[in-house]
Structures are given as structure tokens and as C-alpha cells.
């Protein structure tokens, strides 16, 4: 059974930083793409970033490109998201996801984060002064 557990969320001031982690179990971590999505209050699920099996191919949404950094440690079965230069509009529940990605012409992101074979329970990030 796949289990993804996110952590590292919290309250941060605008301009601040956080590091999110996602630990996976029940899967061979190095065999899979991973990604991060978020859902702000009253908003649709939004793809943020994805990383391939080795970490050699990485993509970001325009809204976070240059501020957020995705990475992975296959030895620790852990995915990371470094959030820098945070903005109020980054406030959201952040989820890691198994085998999710977007390209310029295609996304395979579900419309909700409810499928626990794909997403973890999420970690709340709040950016406020």
C-alpha cells in the first residue's frame, strides 16, 4: 500500500523560506516520478513541480519558477520542496504526488487530492505578516 507523508509546513512571513519533505513507503521510490501540487483556499488544485526518477529532469510552474526548488533523495525515499521568497499567494495545502507531472502541452494531475494512492495528507503552508 502506497503511503506518502508530507511535513515541514507552517506559518512564515512574506519573503521567508520553508522546506517541505515527503516520505514514501509501499513503493520502490527510485522507480517513480514525483511531484508537488497545492490547493489554496477556494482554489483549484495547482501543479507546482515534478522531478523524474534520477532527478535529472525537473519542471516548475511559472508561478514558482526561480523561487522553489524540488529535489529527491532516493536513498532516503524522500522528496523535498524548498520554498524561498515566499508570497502571500503561496498560502495553500501542499501535497506530494506519485507519478504526477506537467509539460507545456499535457498534465496528468487529478482535479482533487483525495486519491491516497497518489497523494499524501498534505501539509499547510501559510504566508502572512
Protein backbone atom coordinates (compact mmCIF):
# COMPACT_ATOMS: atom_id res chain seq x y z
CA UNK A 1 0.00 0.00 0.00
CA UNK A 2 1.38 3.35 -1.05
CA UNK A 3 1.76 5.90 1.71
CA UNK A 4 3.07 9.44 1.27
CA UNK A 5 3.62 11.62 4.33
CA UNK A 6 4.29 15.35 3.94
CA UNK A 7 5.83 17.53 6.62
CA UNK A 8 7.51 20.88 7.09
CA UNK A 9 4.64 23.26 6.62
CA UNK A 10 3.95 26.21 8.90
CA UNK A 11 3.48 29.94 9.21
CA UNK A 12 6.07 32.16 7.55
CA UNK A 13 6.32 35.85 6.76
CA UNK A 14 6.44 37.13 3.18
CA UNK A 15 9.96 36.75 1.83
CA UNK A 16 10.65 33.83 4.13
CA UNK A 17 11.53 30.21 3.44
CA UNK A 18 10.33 26.72 4.26
CA UNK A 19 11.44 23.23 3.34
CA UNK A 20 8.79 20.61 2.79
CA UNK A 21 9.50 16.88 2.91
CA UNK A 22 7.56 13.89 1.65
CA UNK A 23 8.49 10.40 2.74
CA UNK A 24 7.19 7.49 0.69
CA UNK A 25 6.58 3.88 1.65
CA UNK A 26 4.96 0.94 -0.08
CA UNK A 27 6.66 1.78 -3.39
CA UNK A 28 10.11 1.42 -4.93
CA UNK A 29 10.86 5.12 -4.62
CA UNK A 30 13.53 5.27 -7.32
CA UNK A 31 11.17 3.75 -9.93
CA UNK A 32 8.80 6.72 -9.88
CA UNK A 33 8.36 10.33 -10.86
CA UNK A 34 7.17 12.57 -8.06
CA UNK A 35 5.68 16.00 -7.88
CA UNK A 36 4.15 18.67 -5.71
CA UNK A 37 0.76 20.28 -6.02
CA UNK A 38 -1.08 22.81 -3.85
CA UNK A 39 -4.61 23.93 -3.18
CA UNK A 40 -5.22 27.40 -1.86
CA UNK A 41 -8.43 28.46 -0.09
CA UNK A 42 -11.26 28.42 -2.62
CA UNK A 43 -8.90 27.49 -5.45
CA UNK A 44 -8.41 24.52 -7.73
CA UNK A 45 -5.59 22.05 -7.33
CA UNK A 46 -2.46 23.57 -8.87
CA UNK A 47 0.60 21.69 -10.10
CA UNK A 48 3.87 23.19 -8.85
CA UNK A 49 6.76 20.96 -9.85
CA UNK A 50 7.82 17.47 -10.86
CA UNK A 51 11.05 15.50 -10.85
CA UNK A 52 12.00 12.35 -12.72
CA UNK A 53 13.42 9.14 -11.27
CA UNK A 54 17.04 10.27 -11.14
CA UNK A 55 16.43 13.98 -10.55
CA UNK A 56 17.79 14.85 -13.97
CA UNK A 57 14.55 16.23 -15.41
CA UNK A 58 12.78 18.89 -13.37
CA UNK A 59 9.86 21.15 -14.28
CA UNK A 60 8.26 24.07 -12.49
CA UNK A 61 5.07 26.03 -12.87
CA UNK A 62 5.69 29.63 -13.91
CA UNK A 63 4.26 30.88 -10.60
CA UNK A 64 7.09 29.30 -8.60
CA UNK A 65 9.96 29.05 -11.09
CA UNK A 66 13.07 30.66 -9.63
CA UNK A 67 11.70 30.62 -6.06
CA UNK A 68 11.00 26.94 -5.35
CA UNK A 69 13.37 24.00 -5.76
CA UNK A 70 12.36 20.36 -5.96
CA UNK A 71 14.80 17.59 -5.11
CA UNK A 72 14.84 13.96 -4.04
CA UNK A 73 16.98 11.56 -2.07
CA UNK A 74 16.37 8.04 -3.38
CA UNK A 75 18.39 6.51 -0.55
CA UNK A 76 16.00 8.07 1.99
CA UNK A 77 12.80 7.59 -0.05
CA UNK A 78 12.20 11.30 0.41
CA UNK A 79 11.09 14.14 -1.83
CA UNK A 80 11.75 17.78 -0.94
CA UNK A 81 10.46 21.20 -1.89
CA UNK A 82 12.46 24.26 -0.88
CA UNK A 83 10.26 27.34 -0.83
CA UNK A 84 12.08 30.68 -0.95
CA UNK A 85 10.96 34.30 -1.41
CA UNK A 86 7.52 33.25 -0.33
CA UNK A 87 4.45 35.32 -1.13
CA UNK A 88 1.03 35.59 0.44
CA UNK A 89 -0.40 33.85 -2.62
CA UNK A 90 1.72 30.77 -1.82
CA UNK A 91 -0.62 30.07 1.09
CA UNK A 92 -2.11 26.63 0.46
CA UNK A 93 -2.21 22.99 1.45
CA UNK A 94 0.76 21.35 -0.23
CA UNK A 95 0.66 17.73 -1.36
CA UNK A 96 3.29 15.44 -2.81
CA UNK A 97 2.13 13.09 -5.51
CA UNK A 98 3.24 9.84 -7.09
CA UNK A 99 3.86 9.86 -10.85
CA UNK A 100 2.37 13.31 -11.43
CA UNK A 101 3.78 15.78 -13.91
CA UNK A 102 3.00 18.55 -16.33
CA UNK A 103 4.58 19.51 -19.62
CA UNK A 104 3.73 22.53 -21.75
CA UNK A 105 1.01 20.57 -23.52
CA UNK A 106 -0.14 17.91 -21.06
CA UNK A 107 -0.79 17.38 -17.35
CA UNK A 108 -1.86 14.17 -15.65
CA UNK A 109 -2.87 15.89 -12.40
CA UNK A 110 -6.18 14.79 -10.85
CA UNK A 111 -8.69 17.51 -10.03
CA UNK A 112 -8.68 16.69 -6.30
CA UNK A 113 -6.04 15.41 -3.85
CA UNK A 114 -8.35 12.75 -2.45
CA UNK A 115 -6.80 9.66 -4.04
CA UNK A 116 -4.44 8.39 -1.35
CA UNK A 117 -2.72 6.05 -3.78
CA UNK A 118 -1.38 9.24 -5.42
CA UNK A 119 -1.24 11.95 -2.74
CA UNK A 120 -0.36 12.27 0.92
CA UNK A 121 -2.46 14.03 3.55
CA UNK A 122 -0.86 17.37 2.84
CA UNK A 123 0.97 19.99 4.88
CA UNK A 124 -0.38 23.51 5.41
CA UNK A 125 1.73 26.49 4.40
CA UNK A 126 0.58 29.94 5.45
CA UNK A 127 2.36 33.10 4.37
CA UNK A 128 1.31 36.10 6.39
CA UNK A 129 2.77 39.12 8.12
